[in-house]
Protein backbone atom coordinates (compact mmCIF):
# COMPACT_ATOMS: atom_id res chain seq x y z
CA MET A 1 70.01 87.30 107.12
CA LYS A 2 69.21 86.07 110.59
CA ILE A 3 66.65 83.65 109.14
CA ILE A 4 69.17 82.36 106.60
CA SER A 5 71.83 81.99 109.29
CA ALA A 6 69.44 80.12 111.53
CA LEU A 7 68.46 77.83 108.68
CA GLY A 8 72.11 77.23 107.80
CA ALA A 9 72.94 76.40 111.39
CA ALA A 10 70.04 73.96 111.54
CA LEU A 11 71.17 72.24 108.36
CA LEU A 12 74.73 71.97 109.67
CA THR A 13 73.45 70.51 112.92
CA PHE A 14 71.30 67.99 111.03
CA ALA A 15 74.24 66.98 108.86
CA ALA A 16 76.53 66.59 111.84
CA CYS A 17 74.00 64.45 113.71
CA ASN A 18 73.47 62.19 110.74
CA ALA A 19 77.07 61.89 109.54
CA PRO A 20 77.90 58.83 111.70
CA ALA A 21 74.77 57.03 110.54
CA ALA A 22 75.64 57.72 106.90
CA ALA A 23 79.17 56.45 107.43
CA GLN A 24 77.91 53.33 109.13
CA ASP A 25 75.44 52.66 106.33
CA VAL A 26 78.32 52.10 103.89
CA TYR A 27 80.30 49.79 106.16
CA PRO A 28 82.40 48.09 105.05
CA SER A 29 83.89 50.30 102.36
CA ARG A 30 87.16 48.33 102.27
CA GLY A 31 88.56 44.94 103.20
CA VAL A 32 88.08 43.45 106.67
CA ARG A 33 90.70 41.48 108.61
CA LEU A 34 89.44 38.53 110.66
CA ILE A 35 92.09 37.49 113.19
CA MET A 36 92.08 33.77 113.97
CA PRO A 37 94.80 33.03 116.56
CA PHE A 38 95.13 29.30 115.84
CA PRO A 39 96.70 27.35 112.97
CA PRO A 40 95.10 26.75 109.57
CA GLY A 41 93.26 23.45 109.38
CA SER A 42 91.74 23.56 112.84
CA GLY A 43 87.98 23.39 113.33
CA THR A 44 87.91 27.03 114.45
CA ASP A 45 89.88 28.05 111.36
CA ALA A 46 87.51 26.14 109.07
CA LEU A 47 84.46 27.84 110.58
CA ALA A 48 86.14 31.25 110.41
CA ARG A 49 86.82 30.74 106.70
CA ILE A 50 83.22 29.74 105.98
CA ILE A 51 81.99 32.91 107.65
CA ALA A 52 84.66 35.07 105.98
CA GLU A 53 83.75 33.68 102.57
CA GLN A 54 80.07 34.45 103.06
CA LEU A 55 80.65 37.92 104.46
CA SER A 56 82.91 38.71 101.49
CA LYS A 57 80.02 37.92 99.17
CA LYS A 58 77.49 39.84 101.26
CA TRP A 59 79.66 42.92 101.73
CA ASN A 60 81.32 42.84 98.30
CA GLN A 61 84.60 43.38 100.13
CA SER A 62 87.42 41.00 100.97
CA VAL A 63 87.31 39.41 104.42
CA VAL A 64 90.73 37.89 105.02
CA VAL A 65 91.39 35.32 107.75
CA ASP A 66 94.70 36.14 109.44
CA ASN A 67 96.13 33.19 111.42
CA MET A 68 98.12 34.86 114.21
CA THR A 69 99.18 31.86 116.27
CA GLY A 70 101.01 31.78 119.57
CA ALA A 71 100.62 31.83 123.36
CA GLY A 72 97.33 29.93 123.38
CA GLY A 73 95.57 32.62 121.39
CA ASN A 74 97.00 35.55 123.33
CA ILE A 75 98.82 36.98 120.30
CA GLY A 76 95.49 37.41 118.55
CA GLY A 77 93.98 38.91 121.68
CA GLN A 78 96.78 41.45 121.93
CA THR A 79 96.37 42.41 118.28
CA ILE A 80 92.61 42.98 118.46
CA SER A 81 92.98 44.93 121.69
CA ARG A 82 95.21 47.46 119.90
CA ALA A 83 93.14 47.71 116.69
CA ALA A 84 91.11 50.75 115.75
CA PRO A 85 87.43 50.35 116.78
CA ASP A 86 86.16 50.84 113.24
CA GLY A 87 85.01 47.30 112.39
CA TYR A 88 87.85 46.59 109.99
CA THR A 89 89.71 44.30 112.39
CA LEU A 90 87.73 41.53 114.10
CA LEU A 91 88.61 38.49 116.19
CA PHE A 92 87.22 34.97 115.78
CA VAL A 93 88.11 32.51 118.55
CA PRO A 94 87.11 29.53 120.68
CA ALA A 95 86.64 30.02 124.42
CA PRO A 96 90.20 30.23 125.87
CA PRO A 97 91.30 33.68 124.64
CA LEU A 98 88.02 35.24 125.77
CA VAL A 99 87.24 33.52 129.08
CA ILE A 100 90.00 31.14 130.25
CA ASN A 101 93.48 32.49 129.45
CA GLN A 102 93.22 35.40 131.86
CA PHE A 103 93.05 32.89 134.73
CA ILE A 104 95.88 30.69 133.44
CA TYR A 105 98.60 33.03 132.18
CA LYS A 106 100.44 35.43 134.46
CA SER A 107 99.93 38.02 131.73
CA THR A 108 97.97 37.70 128.51
CA GLY A 109 98.94 41.17 127.31
CA TYR A 110 95.34 42.29 126.84
CA ASP A 111 92.07 42.70 128.72
CA ALA A 112 89.61 40.12 127.37
CA ASP A 113 86.76 41.74 129.30
CA ALA A 114 87.29 45.00 127.39
CA LEU A 115 86.83 43.44 123.94
CA ALA A 116 83.52 44.30 122.29
CA PRO A 117 81.23 41.24 122.01
CA ILE A 118 79.69 40.75 118.58
CA THR A 119 78.29 37.22 118.61
CA MET A 120 78.65 33.66 119.82
CA VAL A 121 78.27 31.70 116.59
CA GLY A 122 77.80 28.13 117.73
CA SER A 123 79.05 25.37 119.96
CA VAL A 124 80.04 21.72 120.26
CA PRO A 125 79.46 19.97 123.59
CA TYR A 126 81.93 17.69 125.28
CA VAL A 127 81.04 14.12 126.16
CA MET A 128 82.42 12.03 129.01
CA VAL A 129 84.33 9.19 127.36
CA VAL A 130 85.30 6.23 129.57
CA ARG A 131 87.39 3.11 128.89
CA THR A 132 85.22 0.07 128.24
CA SER A 133 86.82 -1.95 131.07
CA PHE A 134 86.01 0.63 133.73
CA PRO A 135 84.04 -1.03 136.58
CA ALA A 136 80.98 1.22 136.25
CA ASN A 137 78.32 1.50 133.57
CA THR A 138 76.52 4.69 134.59
CA LEU A 139 77.56 8.12 135.80
CA LYS A 140 76.13 7.43 139.27
CA GLU A 141 78.11 4.20 139.51
CA PHE A 142 81.22 6.04 138.30
CA ILE A 143 80.90 8.72 141.00
CA ALA A 144 80.39 6.08 143.69
CA HIS A 145 83.46 4.18 142.47
CA VAL A 146 85.64 7.32 142.50
CA LYS A 147 84.50 8.17 146.04
CA ALA A 148 85.42 4.65 147.15
CA ASN A 149 88.84 4.96 145.47
CA PRO A 150 90.08 8.53 146.06
CA GLY A 151 93.17 9.50 144.10
CA LYS A 152 93.19 6.32 142.01
CA ILE A 153 91.07 7.29 139.01
CA THR A 154 92.87 9.00 136.11
CA TYR A 155 91.60 11.37 133.46
CA ALA A 156 93.30 12.64 130.32
CA SER A 157 93.26 16.05 128.68
CA SER A 158 94.86 17.78 125.72
CA SER A 159 97.00 19.97 128.02
CA MET A 160 97.20 21.70 131.39
CA GLY A 161 94.45 24.31 131.62
CA SER A 162 92.54 22.95 128.63
CA THR A 163 88.76 22.90 128.61
CA ALA A 164 88.96 19.10 128.85
CA GLN A 165 90.84 19.38 132.14
CA LEU A 166 88.50 22.07 133.45
CA ALA A 167 85.53 19.89 132.53
CA ALA A 168 86.92 17.13 134.76
CA LEU A 169 87.49 19.61 137.58
CA GLN A 170 83.89 20.74 137.24
CA LEU A 171 82.84 17.09 137.55
CA GLU A 172 84.90 16.79 140.75
CA ASN A 173 83.17 19.85 142.22
CA LEU A 174 79.58 19.08 141.23
CA ALA A 175 79.85 15.44 142.29
CA GLY A 176 80.79 16.42 145.84
CA GLY A 177 84.57 16.79 145.86
CA LEU A 178 85.95 13.81 143.93
CA GLN A 179 89.69 13.19 144.00
CA MET A 180 91.15 12.14 140.66
CA VAL A 181 94.54 12.29 138.92
CA HIS A 182 95.12 14.44 135.84
CA VAL A 183 97.24 13.05 132.98
CA PRO A 184 97.96 15.84 130.46
CA TYR A 185 98.81 14.99 126.84
CA ARG A 186 100.08 16.91 123.85
CA GLY A 187 96.76 17.18 122.10
CA ALA A 188 93.30 15.67 122.28
CA ALA A 189 93.91 12.80 119.85
CA PRO A 190 96.57 10.91 121.87
CA ALA A 191 94.54 11.44 125.04
CA LEU A 192 91.49 9.84 123.44
CA VAL A 193 93.57 6.97 122.04
CA ASP A 194 94.95 6.13 125.48
CA VAL A 195 91.45 6.07 126.97
CA MET A 196 90.30 3.81 124.16
CA ASN A 197 93.27 1.50 124.83
CA GLY A 198 92.56 1.45 128.57
CA HIS A 199 95.70 3.30 129.71
CA VAL A 200 93.69 6.17 131.25
CA ASP A 201 90.22 5.93 132.78
CA PHE A 202 88.38 8.73 131.00
CA VAL A 203 88.53 11.99 129.09
CA PHE A 204 86.18 14.79 128.16
CA ASP A 205 86.22 15.02 124.38
CA ILE A 206 84.06 16.87 121.87
CA VAL A 207 81.20 14.77 120.52
CA THR A 208 82.30 15.18 116.90
CA THR A 209 85.49 13.14 117.42
CA SER A 210 84.10 10.62 119.92
CA LYS A 211 80.78 9.85 118.26
CA GLN A 212 82.00 6.96 116.11
CA LEU A 213 84.01 5.38 118.94
CA ILE A 214 80.99 5.50 121.25
CA GLU A 215 78.64 4.08 118.63
CA ALA A 216 81.15 1.33 117.79
CA GLY A 217 81.40 0.32 121.46
CA LYS A 218 85.11 1.10 121.68
CA VAL A 219 84.49 3.43 124.63
CA LYS A 220 81.66 4.11 127.06
CA SER A 221 79.79 7.39 127.32
CA PHE A 222 78.48 8.68 130.64
CA GLY A 223 76.70 11.68 129.16
CA VAL A 224 76.90 14.71 126.90
CA ALA A 225 78.04 17.84 128.73
CA ALA A 226 75.24 20.14 127.58
CA LYS A 227 71.95 21.36 129.00
CA GLN A 228 70.08 19.83 126.06
CA ARG A 229 70.74 16.80 123.91
CA THR A 230 72.97 17.46 120.96
CA GLN A 231 71.83 17.20 117.34
CA ILE A 232 74.82 15.05 116.42
CA MET A 233 73.99 12.41 119.09
CA PRO A 234 70.29 12.90 119.83
CA ASN A 235 69.91 9.54 121.58
CA GLU A 236 72.75 10.19 124.02
CA PRO A 237 71.52 11.55 127.40
CA THR A 238 73.07 14.63 128.94
CA MET A 239 75.08 14.41 132.15
CA GLU A 240 72.23 16.22 133.87
CA GLU A 241 69.83 13.52 132.72
CA ASN A 242 72.32 10.99 134.08
CA GLY A 243 72.13 12.57 137.54
CA LEU A 244 74.49 15.58 137.63
CA PRO A 245 72.37 18.78 137.63
CA GLY A 246 73.86 21.94 136.17
CA TYR A 247 76.76 20.29 134.37
CA GLN A 248 77.83 21.91 131.09
CA ALA A 249 81.12 21.99 129.17
CA LEU A 250 81.18 23.33 125.63
CA THR A 251 83.68 24.32 123.04
CA TRP A 252 82.25 27.38 121.33
CA PHE A 253 83.17 30.02 118.80
CA GLY A 254 82.84 33.75 119.35
CA MET A 255 83.48 36.97 117.48
CA THR A 256 84.55 40.24 119.06
CA GLY A 257 85.81 43.63 118.04
CA PRO A 258 88.35 45.97 119.62
CA PRO A 259 87.50 47.89 122.79
CA GLY A 260 85.26 50.82 121.95
CA LEU A 261 83.66 49.29 118.86
CA PRO A 262 80.39 51.22 118.38
CA SER A 263 77.35 49.16 119.32
CA VAL A 264 75.67 49.99 116.00
CA LEU A 265 78.58 48.36 114.15
CA ALA A 266 78.58 45.32 116.43
CA GLU A 267 74.86 44.89 115.78
CA LYS A 268 75.30 45.17 112.01
CA ILE A 269 78.14 42.64 111.91
CA TYR A 270 76.12 40.26 114.09
CA ARG A 271 73.06 40.54 111.82
CA ASP A 272 75.15 39.88 108.73
CA VAL A 273 76.88 36.87 110.31
CA ASP A 274 73.52 35.54 111.50
CA GLU A 275 72.00 35.93 108.03
CA THR A 276 74.88 34.05 106.39
CA LEU A 277 74.54 31.19 108.86
CA LYS A 278 70.87 30.87 107.90
CA ILE A 279 71.66 30.27 104.23
CA PRO A 280 70.69 26.58 103.79
CA ALA A 281 73.97 25.57 102.13
CA VAL A 282 76.00 27.32 104.85
CA THR A 283 73.87 25.82 107.60
CA ALA A 284 74.48 22.38 106.15
CA ARG A 285 78.26 22.92 105.98
CA VAL A 286 78.49 24.13 109.57
CA GLN A 287 76.23 21.43 110.96
CA GLY A 288 78.22 18.90 108.93
CA MET A 289 81.20 19.89 111.10
CA GLY A 290 79.18 18.90 114.16
CA ILE A 291 78.66 22.52 115.21
CA GLU A 292 75.27 23.55 116.55
CA ILE A 293 74.43 27.03 115.30
CA ASN A 294 73.03 29.29 117.99
CA SER A 295 74.28 32.75 117.08
CA LEU A 296 73.65 35.34 119.78
CA PRO A 297 73.33 39.13 119.38
CA PRO A 298 75.96 41.30 121.10
CA ALA A 299 74.09 41.82 124.39
CA GLU A 300 73.33 38.11 124.79
CA ALA A 301 76.85 37.16 123.68
CA ALA A 302 78.23 39.45 126.40
CA LYS A 303 76.12 37.66 129.02
CA PHE A 304 77.21 34.25 127.71
CA PHE A 305 80.90 35.23 127.76
CA ALA A 306 80.52 36.56 131.31
CA ALA A 307 78.82 33.36 132.49
CA GLU A 308 81.55 31.20 130.94
CA ARG A 309 84.23 33.45 132.42
CA LYS A 310 82.74 33.02 135.89
CA LEU A 311 82.26 29.25 135.51
CA TRP A 312 85.83 28.46 134.47
CA GLY A 313 87.43 31.27 136.47
CA ASP A 314 85.86 30.04 139.70
CA ILE A 315 86.99 26.47 139.01
CA ILE A 316 90.58 27.50 138.22
CA LYS A 317 90.90 29.80 141.22
CA ALA A 318 89.38 27.25 143.59
CA ARG A 319 91.65 24.46 142.38
CA PHE A 320 94.95 26.22 141.71
CA GLY A 321 94.70 29.53 143.55
CA ALA A 322 97.24 31.05 141.15
CA LYS A 323 98.06 31.35 137.47
CA LEU A 324 99.30 28.14 135.84
CA GLU A 325 101.93 29.76 133.64
């Protein structure tokens, strides 16, 4: 009897130790909700739907994109922060809800640092777009002109606290304390139009929307804001190549889970997302949107999010010293 009892206890222990692994092997066993806290039709939404479509096929379960808009992405952040850490509610976002909003809003209603990193899917670099009549033709000449005319050079952005504004603030810092005037707009499109028409001196815009204007000579480019040249404009030098070491400003797309998401689930979801992005037809669709695929595993995504959080957080705190809203 003692032998049987010992054997039974051993079997129960083995089963208990392996139960989580068995449960995780069948994930997902039901539909998954992918929160996307921006409106349908945006670039982030389009990418989220491509990934959701492919994961639905791979998992043989529905993956539904839920557009929970409001408060610059904070509504989505609040929702994922309260979700059960079981992998059935995920968040897909650009940078602000993960690394910028906490420095801008008095309260976001959630702790972005506590969300479980899954992956950084890809990115699109910004490019420095300058009106054609500006009296400089290189980045070095531009910096010299701004230093000779403090407080007279204007730059546009899509809104206060936007990545486009922060990119200009980073330029001010790295170029030795430039003094320029910010002109916020209601969206990136009108900001770019006013630069093209010469009403504002420059703007940081994503390469996908500025590429044709630059190539047509309707605006000048003083460099792509990435550490390496971008696939969409391979002949366009980076700002570092143009004389500003360390400059980088990207719009990127990340996926996270709720706080406490088991690492084994985060790794599985990352692997499945990564595999879908490597399907030739999917790769072509994503790259056709101007997005450079560079999906990172959870540990590397966490480091990337932390680096971005420090970059933009330091700039915001140094410039404003307090929350913007």
